C-alpha atoms as a PDB file:
ATOM      1  CA  MET A   1       0.000   0.000   0.000  1.00  0.00           C
ATOM      2  CA  ASN A   2       1.426   3.374  -1.013  1.00  0.00           C
ATOM      3  CA  ILE A   3       1.098   5.848   1.859  1.00  0.00           C
ATOM      4  CA  GLN A   4       2.385   9.401   1.483  1.00  0.00           C
ATOM      5  CA  TYR A   5       4.762   9.515   4.453  1.00  0.00           C
ATOM      6  CA  GLU A   6       6.025  12.898   3.236  1.00  0.00           C
ATOM      7  CA  GLN A   7       2.758  14.394   4.482  1.00  0.00           C
ATOM      8  CA  LYS A   8       3.817  13.539   8.023  1.00  0.00           C
ATOM      9  CA  ASP A   9       6.779  15.914   7.810  1.00  0.00           C
ATOM     10  CA  GLU A  10       4.644  18.505   6.029  1.00  0.00           C
ATOM     11  CA  CYS A  11       2.106  18.491   8.874  1.00  0.00           C
ATOM     12  CA  GLU A  12       4.882  18.880  11.440  1.00  0.00           C
ATOM     13  CA  LEU A  13       6.287  21.898   9.597  1.00  0.00           C
ATOM     14  CA  TRP A  14       2.789  23.386   9.344  1.00  0.00           C
ATOM     15  CA  LEU A  15       2.315  23.072  13.106  1.00  0.00           C
ATOM     16  CA  LYS A  16       5.772  24.361  13.993  1.00  0.00           C
ATOM     17  CA  LYS A  17       5.278  27.471  11.867  1.00  0.00           C
ATOM     18  CA  ARG A  18       2.130  28.354  13.814  1.00  0.00           C
ATOM     19  CA  THR A  19       3.617  27.521  17.251  1.00  0.00           C
ATOM     20  CA  PRO A  20       0.404  26.061  18.740  1.00  0.00           C
ATOM     21  CA  LYS A  21       0.096  26.126  22.509  1.00  0.00           C
ATOM     22  CA  ALA A  22      -0.563  22.406  22.677  1.00  0.00           C
ATOM     23  CA  PHE A  23       1.021  18.975  22.525  1.00  0.00           C
ATOM     24  CA  TYR A  24       0.427  17.582  19.068  1.00  0.00           C
ATOM     25  CA  GLN A  25       0.852  14.091  17.681  1.00  0.00           C
ATOM     26  CA  ARG A  26       0.919  13.163  14.000  1.00  0.00           C
ATOM     27  CA  VAL A  27       0.102   9.695  12.682  1.00  0.00           C
ATOM     28  CA  VAL A  28       0.023   8.071   9.233  1.00  0.00           C
ATOM     29  CA  SER A  29      -2.662   5.518   8.411  1.00  0.00           C
ATOM     30  CA  PRO A  30      -4.314   4.025   5.300  1.00  0.00           C
ATOM     31  CA  THR A  31      -7.804   5.262   6.276  1.00  0.00           C
ATOM     32  CA  LEU A  32      -9.286   8.139   8.237  1.00  0.00           C
ATOM     33  CA  ARG A  33     -11.010   5.872  10.761  1.00  0.00           C
ATOM     34  CA  GLN A  34      -7.838   3.916  11.549  1.00  0.00           C
ATOM     35  CA  GLY A  35      -5.913   7.168  11.830  1.00  0.00           C
ATOM     36  CA  VAL A  36      -8.383   8.515  14.396  1.00  0.00           C
ATOM     37  CA  ILE A  37      -8.130   5.294  16.429  1.00  0.00           C
ATOM     38  CA  TYR A  38      -4.309   5.500  16.388  1.00  0.00           C
ATOM     39  CA  LEU A  39      -4.385   9.164  17.345  1.00  0.00           C
ATOM     40  CA  LEU A  40      -6.814   8.764  20.238  1.00  0.00           C
ATOM     41  CA  GLN A  41      -4.563   6.110  21.789  1.00  0.00           C
ATOM     42  CA  ALA A  42      -1.274   7.952  21.216  1.00  0.00           C
ATOM     43  CA  VAL A  43      -2.091  11.611  21.867  1.00  0.00           C
ATOM     44  CA  GLY A  44      -1.044  13.403  25.057  1.00  0.00           C
ATOM     45  CA  ILE A  45       1.891  13.244  27.439  1.00  0.00           C
ATOM     46  CA  GLY A  46       1.541  11.481  30.787  1.00  0.00           C
ATOM     47  CA  LYS A  47      -1.518  12.790  32.597  1.00  0.00           C
ATOM     48  CA  LEU A  48      -1.865  15.638  30.092  1.00  0.00           C
ATOM     49  CA  ARG A  49      -4.174  13.634  27.877  1.00  0.00           C
ATOM     50  CA  PRO A  50      -7.310  15.039  26.240  1.00  0.00           C
ATOM     51  CA  ASN A  51     -10.697  13.519  26.930  1.00  0.00           C
ATOM     52  CA  VAL A  52     -12.809  15.199  24.224  1.00  0.00           C
ATOM     53  CA  LEU A  53     -12.674  14.648  20.458  1.00  0.00           C
ATOM     54  CA  MET A  54     -13.737  17.622  18.304  1.00  0.00           C
ATOM     55  CA  LEU A  55     -15.157  16.843  14.859  1.00  0.00           C
ATOM     56  CA  GLY A  56     -16.479  19.033  12.093  1.00  0.00           C
ATOM     57  CA  PHE A  57     -20.064  18.499  10.995  1.00  0.00           C
ATOM     58  CA  LYS A  58     -20.278  16.304   7.888  1.00  0.00           C
ATOM     59  CA  ASN A  59     -22.298  18.454   5.505  1.00  0.00           C
ATOM     60  CA  ASP A  60     -22.204  15.931   2.649  1.00  0.00           C
ATOM     61  CA  TRP A  61     -23.666  13.035   4.634  1.00  0.00           C
ATOM     62  CA  LEU A  62     -26.570  12.686   2.193  1.00  0.00           C
ATOM     63  CA  SER A  63     -24.411  12.201  -0.887  1.00  0.00           C
ATOM     64  CA  LYS A  64     -21.456  10.184   0.473  1.00  0.00           C
ATOM     65  CA  ALA A  65     -22.841   7.155   2.259  1.00  0.00           C
ATOM     66  CA  ASP A  66     -19.592   5.205   2.747  1.00  0.00           C
ATOM     67  CA  ALA A  67     -17.733   8.208   4.171  1.00  0.00           C
ATOM     68  CA  THR A  68     -20.687   8.912   6.455  1.00  0.00           C
ATOM     69  CA  ILE A  69     -20.506   5.357   7.825  1.00  0.00           C
ATOM     70  CA  ASP A  70     -16.833   5.968   8.679  1.00  0.00           C
ATOM     71  CA  TYR A  71     -17.794   9.250  10.359  1.00  0.00           C
ATOM     72  CA  PHE A  72     -20.493   7.460  12.364  1.00  0.00           C
ATOM     73  CA  ASN A  73     -18.086   4.689  13.391  1.00  0.00           C
ATOM     74  CA  ILE A  74     -15.437   7.232  14.443  1.00  0.00           C
ATOM     75  CA  ILE A  75     -17.932   8.653  16.931  1.00  0.00           C
ATOM     76  CA  HIS A  76     -18.625   5.199  18.364  1.00  0.00           C
ATOM     77  CA  ASP A  77     -14.914   4.303  18.448  1.00  0.00           C
ATOM     78  CA  SER A  78     -14.255   7.473  20.439  1.00  0.00           C
ATOM     79  CA  LEU A  79     -16.996   6.659  22.933  1.00  0.00           C
ATOM     80  CA  HIS A  80     -15.585   3.127  23.378  1.00  0.00           C
ATOM     81  CA  LEU A  81     -12.185   4.703  24.123  1.00  0.00           C
ATOM     82  CA  LYS A  82     -13.812   6.848  26.853  1.00  0.00           C
ATOM     83  CA  TYR A  83     -13.699  10.156  24.960  1.00  0.00           C
ATOM     84  CA  GLY A  84     -16.363  12.820  24.952  1.00  0.00           C
ATOM     85  CA  ILE A  85     -17.563  14.037  21.548  1.00  0.00           C
ATOM     86  CA  GLY A  86     -17.936  17.590  20.284  1.00  0.00           C
ATOM     87  CA  ILE A  87     -19.273  18.330  16.778  1.00  0.00           C
ATOM     88  CA  PHE A  88     -18.515  21.823  15.493  1.00  0.00           C
ATOM     89  CA  ARG A  89     -20.674  23.296  12.732  1.00  0.00           C
ATOM     90  CA  LEU A  90     -20.545  26.625  10.884  1.00  0.00           C
ATOM     91  CA  GLN A  91     -23.162  27.777   8.387  1.00  0.00           C
ATOM     92  CA  SER A  92     -20.391  28.331   5.832  1.00  0.00           C
ATOM     93  CA  GLY A  93     -18.681  25.027   6.652  1.00  0.00           C
ATOM     94  CA  LEU A  94     -15.064  24.447   7.662  1.00  0.00           C
ATOM     95  CA  ASP A  95     -13.454  23.687   4.287  1.00  0.00           C
ATOM     96  CA  PHE A  96     -12.129  26.793   2.505  1.00  0.00           C
ATOM     97  CA  SER A  97      -9.556  25.054   0.306  1.00  0.00           C
ATOM     98  CA  ASP A  98     -11.338  26.049  -2.913  1.00  0.00           C
ATOM     99  CA  PHE A  99     -10.613  29.717  -2.204  1.00  0.00           C
ATOM    100  CA  PHE A 100      -6.828  29.376  -2.227  1.00  0.00           C
ATOM    101  CA  GLU A 101      -4.043  28.782  -4.670  1.00  0.00           C
ATOM    102  CA  ASP A 102      -0.297  28.307  -4.189  1.00  0.00           C
ATOM    103  CA  VAL A 103       2.161  30.900  -5.485  1.00  0.00           C
ATOM    104  CA  PRO A 104       5.933  31.140  -4.986  1.00  0.00           C
ATOM    105  CA  ASP A 105       7.124  33.317  -2.140  1.00  0.00           C
ATOM    106  CA  ASP A 106      10.303  35.384  -2.557  1.00  0.00           C
ATOM    107  CA  ASN A 107      10.341  36.654   1.016  1.00  0.00           C
ATOM    108  CA  ASP A 108      12.245  34.950   3.766  1.00  0.00           C
ATOM    109  CA  ASP A 109      10.681  33.337   6.826  1.00  0.00           C
ATOM    110  CA  ASP A 110      11.319  36.354   9.047  1.00  0.00           C
ATOM    111  CA  ASN A 111       9.313  38.653   6.801  1.00  0.00           C
ATOM    112  CA  ASP A 112       6.469  36.126   6.652  1.00  0.00           C
ATOM    113  CA  ASP A 113       6.335  35.977  10.437  1.00  0.00           C
ATOM    114  CA  ASP A 114       6.182  39.768  10.655  1.00  0.00           C
ATOM    115  CA  ASP A 115       3.283  39.870   8.216  1.00  0.00           C
ATOM    116  CA  ASP A 116       1.409  37.286  10.283  1.00  0.00           C
ATOM    117  CA  ASP A 117       1.808  39.364  13.433  1.00  0.00           C
ATOM    118  CA  ASP A 118       0.596  42.545  11.716  1.00  0.00           C
ATOM    119  CA  ASN A 119      -2.503  40.994  10.212  1.00  0.00           C
ATOM    120  CA  ASP A 120      -3.515  38.398  12.782  1.00  0.00           C
ATOM    121  CA  GLU A 121      -6.670  40.192  13.886  1.00  0.00           C
ATOM    122  CA  SER A 122      -7.763  41.686  10.568  1.00  0.00           C
ATOM    123  CA  VAL A 123     -10.365  40.281   8.201  1.00  0.00           C
ATOM    124  CA  GLY A 124      -7.839  40.473   5.395  1.00  0.00           C
ATOM    125  CA  TYR A 125      -5.408  38.097   7.103  1.00  0.00           C
ATOM    126  CA  THR A 126      -3.720  35.762   4.606  1.00  0.00           C
ATOM    127  CA  PRO A 127      -3.056  32.348   6.198  1.00  0.00           C
ATOM    128  CA  GLN A 128       0.107  30.467   5.291  1.00  0.00           C
ATOM    129  CA  ARG A 129       1.185  26.895   5.015  1.00  0.00           C
ATOM    130  CA  THR A 130       4.194  24.936   3.800  1.00  0.00           C
ATOM    131  CA  THR A 131       4.185  22.592   0.840  1.00  0.00           C
ATOM    132  CA  LYS A 132       5.926  19.280   0.309  1.00  0.00           C
ATOM    133  CA  PRO A 133       9.380  19.560   1.902  1.00  0.00           C
ATOM    134  CA  CYS A 134      12.299  20.000  -0.455  1.00  0.00           C
ATOM    135  CA  SER A 135      16.025  20.507   0.008  1.00  0.00           C
ATOM    136  CA  GLN A 136      15.613  24.201   0.896  1.00  0.00           C
ATOM    137  CA  ARG A 137      12.194  23.787   2.550  1.00  0.00           C
ATOM    138  CA  GLN A 138      10.973  26.939   0.811  1.00  0.00           C
ATOM    139  CA  PRO A 139       7.475  27.872   2.107  1.00  0.00           C
ATOM    140  CA  ASP A 140       4.637  28.858  -0.191  1.00  0.00           C
ATOM    141  CA  VAL A 141       2.050  31.531   0.451  1.00  0.00           C
ATOM    142  CA  ILE A 142      -1.665  30.938   0.000  1.00  0.00           C
ATOM    143  CA  THR A 143      -3.356  33.793  -1.898  1.00  0.00           C
ATOM    144  CA  LEU A 144      -7.006  34.518  -2.566  1.00  0.00           C
ATOM    145  CA  ARG A 145      -8.405  33.770  -6.002  1.00  0.00           C
ATOM    146  CA  ASN A 146     -11.376  36.128  -5.843  1.00  0.00           C
ATOM    147  CA  THR A 147     -11.248  39.102  -3.494  1.00  0.00           C
ATOM    148  CA  ILE A 148     -14.986  39.836  -3.544  1.00  0.00           C
ATOM    149  CA  ILE A 149     -16.026  36.264  -2.743  1.00  0.00           C
ATOM    150  CA  ASN A 150     -13.294  35.721  -0.190  1.00  0.00           C
ATOM    151  CA  GLU A 151     -14.143  38.697   1.998  1.00  0.00           C
ATOM    152  CA  GLY A 152     -16.992  36.580   3.339  1.00  0.00           C
ATOM    153  CA  ALA A 153     -14.785  33.492   3.485  1.00  0.00           C
ATOM    154  CA  LEU A 154     -12.112  35.296   5.484  1.00  0.00           C
ATOM    155  CA  TYR A 155     -14.728  36.630   7.884  1.00  0.00           C
ATOM    156  CA  SER A 156     -15.932  33.054   8.461  1.00  0.00           C
ATOM    157  CA  MET A 157     -12.355  31.874   9.051  1.00  0.00           C
ATOM    158  CA  ASN A 158     -11.776  34.589  11.650  1.00  0.00           C
ATOM    159  CA  ILE A 159     -15.228  34.566  13.217  1.00  0.00           C
ATOM    160  CA  PHE A 160     -13.837  33.610  16.629  1.00  0.00           C
ATOM    161  CA  HIS A 161     -11.088  36.262  16.418  1.00  0.00           C
ATOM    162  CA  GLU A 162     -13.512  39.179  16.321  1.00  0.00           C
ATOM    163  CA  LYS A 163     -14.897  40.759  19.470  1.00  0.00           C
ATOM    164  CA  GLN A 164     -18.591  39.978  19.739  1.00  0.00           C
ATOM    165  CA  LYS A 165     -21.107  42.780  20.226  1.00  0.00           C
ATOM    166  CA  SER A 166     -23.418  43.005  23.215  1.00  0.00           C
ATOM    167  CA  SER A 167     -26.283  41.981  20.920  1.00  0.00           C
ATOM    168  CA  ALA A 168     -24.617  38.602  20.260  1.00  0.00           C
ATOM    169  CA  ILE A 169     -26.411  35.645  21.839  1.00  0.00           C
ATOM    170  CA  ILE A 170     -25.063  32.350  23.149  1.00  0.00           C
ATOM    171  CA  ASP A 171     -27.753  29.684  23.541  1.00  0.00           C
ATOM    172  CA  VAL A 172     -27.192  26.508  25.530  1.00  0.00           C
ATOM    173  CA  TRP A 173     -29.645  23.645  25.121  1.00  0.00           C
ATOM    174  CA  TRP A 174     -29.119  21.513  28.215  1.00  0.00           C
ATOM    175  CA  LEU A 175     -31.039  18.390  27.235  1.00  0.00           C
ATOM    176  CA  PHE A 176     -29.606  15.841  29.669  1.00  0.00           C
ATOM    177  CA  ASP A 177     -27.007  15.544  32.411  1.00  0.00           C
ATOM    178  CA  ASP A 178     -23.676  15.279  30.590  1.00  0.00           C
ATOM    179  CA  GLY A 179     -21.448  16.054  33.557  1.00  0.00           C
ATOM    180  CA  GLY A 180     -21.749  19.813  33.059  1.00  0.00           C
ATOM    181  CA  LEU A 181     -19.599  20.141  29.915  1.00  0.00           C
ATOM    182  CA  THR A 182     -22.444  21.795  27.972  1.00  0.00           C
ATOM    183  CA  LEU A 183     -22.627  24.600  30.548  1.00  0.00           C
ATOM    184  CA  LEU A 184     -18.902  24.738  31.253  1.00  0.00           C
ATOM    185  CA  LEU A 185     -17.916  25.538  27.655  1.00  0.00           C
ATOM    186  CA  PRO A 186     -19.959  28.771  27.296  1.00  0.00           C
ATOM    187  CA  HIS A 187     -19.097  29.774  30.873  1.00  0.00           C
ATOM    188  CA  LEU A 188     -15.370  29.596  30.061  1.00  0.00           C
ATOM    189  CA  LEU A 189     -15.932  31.253  26.691  1.00  0.00           C
ATOM    190  CA  ARG A 190     -17.590  34.263  28.307  1.00  0.00           C
ATOM    191  CA  ARG A 191     -14.566  34.784  30.510  1.00  0.00           C
ATOM    192  CA  ARG A 192     -12.656  35.867  27.387  1.00  0.00           C
ATOM    193  CA  LYS A 193     -12.936  39.511  26.391  1.00  0.00           C
ATOM    194  CA  ARG A 194     -14.202  38.690  22.894  1.00  0.00           C
ATOM    195  CA  TRP A 195     -17.346  37.002  24.304  1.00  0.00           C
ATOM    196  CA  ARG A 196     -17.689  38.720  27.657  1.00  0.00           C
ATOM    197  CA  ASN A 197     -20.587  40.994  26.694  1.00  0.00           C
ATOM    198  CA  CYS A 198     -22.716  38.352  24.977  1.00  0.00           C
ATOM    199  CA  GLN A 199     -26.169  37.449  26.191  1.00  0.00           C
ATOM    200  CA  PHE A 200     -26.283  33.947  27.679  1.00  0.00           C
ATOM    201  CA  ARG A 201     -29.542  32.003  27.452  1.00  0.00           C
ATOM    202  CA  ILE A 202     -30.159  28.502  28.766  1.00  0.00           C
ATOM    203  CA  PHE A 203     -32.867  26.183  27.434  1.00  0.00           C
ATOM    204  CA  SER A 204     -34.082  22.811  28.596  1.00  0.00           C
ATOM    205  CA  CYS A 205     -36.933  20.529  27.522  1.00  0.00           C
ATOM    206  CA  VAL A 206     -39.192  18.137  29.404  1.00  0.00           C
ATOM    207  CA  PRO A 207     -41.538  15.520  27.941  1.00  0.00           C
ATOM    208  CA  GLY A 208     -44.379  16.359  30.331  1.00  0.00           C
ATOM    209  CA  GLU A 209     -46.833  19.228  30.684  1.00  0.00           C
ATOM    210  CA  LYS A 210     -46.372  22.882  31.650  1.00  0.00           C
ATOM    211  CA  ILE A 211     -46.499  22.243  35.409  1.00  0.00           C
ATOM    212  CA  GLU A 212     -43.553  19.866  35.132  1.00  0.00           C
ATOM    213  CA  ALA A 213     -41.642  22.477  33.113  1.00  0.00           C
ATOM    214  CA  GLU A 214     -42.232  25.094  35.823  1.00  0.00           C
ATOM    215  CA  ARG A 215     -40.974  22.713  38.497  1.00  0.00           C
ATOM    216  CA  GLN A 216     -37.892  21.916  36.437  1.00  0.00           C
ATOM    217  CA  GLN A 217     -37.182  25.620  35.895  1.00  0.00           C
ATOM    218  CA  VAL A 218     -37.132  26.291  39.645  1.00  0.00           C
ATOM    219  CA  ALA A 219     -34.748  23.382  40.181  1.00  0.00           C
ATOM    220  CA  MET A 220     -32.430  24.535  37.385  1.00  0.00           C
ATOM    221  CA  ALA A 221     -32.373  28.124  38.626  1.00  0.00           C
ATOM    222  CA  SER A 222     -31.352  26.876  42.063  1.00  0.00           C
ATOM    223  CA  LEU A 223     -28.605  24.695  40.581  1.00  0.00           C
ATOM    224  CA  LEU A 224     -27.200  27.519  38.430  1.00  0.00           C
ATOM    225  CA  ALA A 225     -27.155  29.859  41.414  1.00  0.00           C
ATOM    226  CA  LYS A 226     -25.317  27.233  43.452  1.00  0.00           C
ATOM    227  CA  PHE A 227     -22.549  27.018  40.830  1.00  0.00           C
ATOM    228  CA  ARG A 228     -22.550  30.822  40.354  1.00  0.00           C
ATOM    229  CA  ILE A 229     -23.233  30.627  36.631  1.00  0.00           C
ATOM    230  CA  ARG A 230     -24.646  33.942  35.447  1.00  0.00           C
ATOM    231  CA  TYR A 231     -27.191  33.869  32.638  1.00  0.00           C
ATOM    232  CA  THR A 232     -29.541  36.254  30.871  1.00  0.00           C
ATOM    233  CA  ASP A 233     -32.604  34.022  30.485  1.00  0.00           C
ATOM    234  CA  LEU A 234     -33.672  30.538  31.522  1.00  0.00           C
ATOM    235  CA  HIS A 235     -36.381  28.684  29.596  1.00  0.00           C
ATOM    236  CA  VAL A 236     -37.752  25.198  30.220  1.00  0.00           C
ATOM    237  CA  LEU A 237     -39.980  24.042  27.370  1.00  0.00           C
ATOM    238  CA  HIS A 238     -42.555  21.277  27.564  1.00  0.00           C
ATOM    239  CA  GLY A 239     -44.067  18.903  25.007  1.00  0.00           C
ATOM    240  CA  LEU A 240     -40.883  17.237  23.790  1.00  0.00           C
ATOM    241  CA  ASN A 241     -42.734  13.960  23.194  1.00  0.00           C
ATOM    242  CA  LYS A 242     -45.723  15.438  21.376  1.00  0.00           C
ATOM    243  CA  GLN A 243     -46.527  14.472  17.795  1.00  0.00           C
ATOM    244  CA  PRO A 244     -44.437  16.609  15.368  1.00  0.00           C
ATOM    245  CA  ASN A 245     -46.266  18.636  12.745  1.00  0.00           C
ATOM    246  CA  GLU A 246     -46.688  17.272   9.252  1.00  0.00           C
ATOM    247  CA  LYS A 247     -44.125  19.647   7.764  1.00  0.00           C
ATOM    248  CA  GLU A 248     -41.372  18.275  10.005  1.00  0.00           C
ATOM    249  CA  LEU A 249     -42.387  14.679   9.277  1.00  0.00           C
ATOM    250  CA  ASP A 250     -42.374  15.273   5.519  1.00  0.00           C
ATOM    251  CA  ARG A 251     -38.970  16.945   5.718  1.00  0.00           C
ATOM    252  CA  PHE A 252     -37.537  14.011   7.667  1.00  0.00           C
ATOM    253  CA  ASP A 253     -38.951  11.467   5.189  1.00  0.00           C
ATOM    254  CA  GLN A 254     -37.396  13.485   2.367  1.00  0.00           C
ATOM    255  CA  LEU A 255     -33.988  13.491   4.084  1.00  0.00           C
ATOM    256  CA  VAL A 256     -33.813   9.741   4.706  1.00  0.00           C
ATOM    257  CA  ARG A 257     -35.389   8.681   1.411  1.00  0.00           C
ATOM    258  CA  THR A 258     -31.973   8.107  -0.176  1.00  0.00           C
ATOM    259  CA  TRP A 259     -30.928   5.956   2.784  1.00  0.00           C
ATOM    260  CA  ARG A 260     -34.066   3.839   2.550  1.00  0.00           C
ATOM    261  CA  GLU A 261     -33.723   2.886  -1.102  1.00  0.00           C
ATOM    262  CA  ASN A 262     -33.961  -0.833  -1.793  1.00  0.00           C
ATOM    263  CA  VAL A 263     -30.276  -1.529  -2.487  1.00  0.00           C
ATOM    264  CA  ASP A 264     -28.968  -5.017  -1.741  1.00  0.00           C
ATOM    265  CA  ASP A 265     -25.953  -5.602   0.514  1.00  0.00           C
ATOM    266  CA  GLN A 266     -25.574  -1.998   1.638  1.00  0.00           C
ATOM    267  CA  GLU A 267     -24.772  -1.619   5.330  1.00  0.00           C
ATOM    268  CA  TRP A 268     -25.965   1.972   5.371  1.00  0.00           C
ATOM    269  CA  GLN A 269     -29.530   1.175   4.325  1.00  0.00           C
ATOM    270  CA  ILE A 270     -32.191   2.125   6.888  1.00  0.00           C
ATOM    271  CA  THR A 271     -34.684  -0.695   7.324  1.00  0.00           C
ATOM    272  CA  ASP A 272     -38.301  -0.386   8.392  1.00  0.00           C
ATOM    273  CA  ALA A 273     -37.467  -2.247  11.609  1.00  0.00           C
ATOM    274  CA  GLU A 274     -34.751   0.279  12.519  1.00  0.00           C
ATOM    275  CA  LEU A 275     -37.046   3.179  11.735  1.00  0.00           C
ATOM    276  CA  GLU A 276     -39.786   1.770  13.943  1.00  0.00           C
ATOM    277  CA  ALA A 277     -37.381   0.975  16.800  1.00  0.00           C
ATOM    278  CA  ASN A 278     -36.223   4.614  16.855  1.00  0.00           C
ATOM    279  CA  ARG A 279     -39.638   6.183  16.351  1.00  0.00           C
ATOM    280  CA  GLU A 280     -39.749   7.898  19.765  1.00  0.00           C
ATOM    281  CA  LYS A 281     -36.209   9.211  19.424  1.00  0.00           C
ATOM    282  CA  ILE A 282     -37.052  10.591  15.974  1.00  0.00           C
ATOM    283  CA  LYS A 283     -40.126  12.275  17.396  1.00  0.00           C
ATOM    284  CA  ARG A 284     -38.076  14.030  20.094  1.00  0.00           C
ATOM    285  CA  GLY A 285     -35.482  15.111  17.535  1.00  0.00           C
ATOM    286  CA  LEU A 286     -38.087  16.655  15.230  1.00  0.00           C
ATOM    287  CA  ASN A 287     -39.740  18.523  18.099  1.00  0.00           C
ATOM    288  CA  LEU A 288     -36.339  19.792  19.213  1.00  0.00           C
ATOM    289  CA  HIS A 289     -35.711  21.031  15.666  1.00  0.00           C
ATOM    290  CA  GLU A 290     -38.927  23.050  15.872  1.00  0.00           C
ATOM    291  CA  PHE A 291     -37.837  24.580  19.187  1.00  0.00           C
ATOM    292  CA  LEU A 292     -34.427  25.494  17.765  1.00  0.00           C
ATOM    293  CA  LEU A 293     -35.966  27.247  14.768  1.00  0.00           C
ATOM    294  CA  GLU A 294     -38.375  29.138  17.005  1.00  0.00           C
ATOM    295  CA  TYR A 295     -35.971  30.285  19.726  1.00  0.00           C
ATOM    296  CA  SER A 296     -32.395  30.123  18.406  1.00  0.00           C
ATOM    297  CA  SER A 297     -32.493  30.816  14.669  1.00  0.00           C
ATOM    298  CA  GLN A 298     -30.872  34.248  15.181  1.00  0.00           C
ATOM    299  CA  SER A 299     -28.343  33.232  17.825  1.00  0.00           C
ATOM    300  CA  THR A 300     -24.594  33.741  17.361  1.00  0.00           C
ATOM    301  CA  LEU A 301     -23.545  30.447  18.959  1.00  0.00           C
ATOM    302  CA  ILE A 302     -25.601  27.383  19.905  1.00  0.00           C
ATOM    303  CA  ILE A 303     -24.252  24.677  22.221  1.00  0.00           C
ATOM    304  CA  MET A 304     -26.158  21.429  22.631  1.00  0.00           C
END
């Protein structure tokens, strides 16, 4: 099997150039899933080992079934290895490779570093990377192909570098007891000056009626006060197990239609038995989608 081991050195140079404040480990593997398994077992030094795996949201899950199965199995592999899972999603996605092209760079490394420092916080910041190592290890610079289009792309890349306005909203949907990580992340984020002035709203859902929601809200308010977590609003919604509206049901059927096609010997096919076994879970998910559209469609950051 031909594996590009040169990429291992290229990744190391890429990381060294950016001087990340972290311990990093690079691995080479024939597949993405095997690489993740290797990495989760090798990463960290001594007791300084991570316990959460961050993944990007797979936007093409409808069109790439085999890759989606690998993505799904990576999540389960991580849980078996005792890792927590975080899935990060941006409206514009996380892949901006189509906006860049490689051009030769005549400047030395010192000048490149100075340019990075000057433009680190600006929207016009031009990121850099190194190409396949050669005898002189000459770095290349990534330039923008289309300035008009890439103004929006660069803003998306630097969205967490900009100071958020007081009108920005962080919504936390605390759906079950996960050890407090869902609340801890926004609490730590708001300690940074870029997010300090954001509004912080907390939502929870109960399957019962309104009286149960009111009781749960009192209990949550007491718990948040005990841990001294400041928030702007607290909402406990009821009716999580109600029958979803027809629009949501039709949209769900449309989404999974491709995965329910009668194709022989395909492990990704959704059977009628599986659909029926998860009927209640699907119902809760569709109702939660309605709540998100109603309450958090204009929010800056949503944590679930």
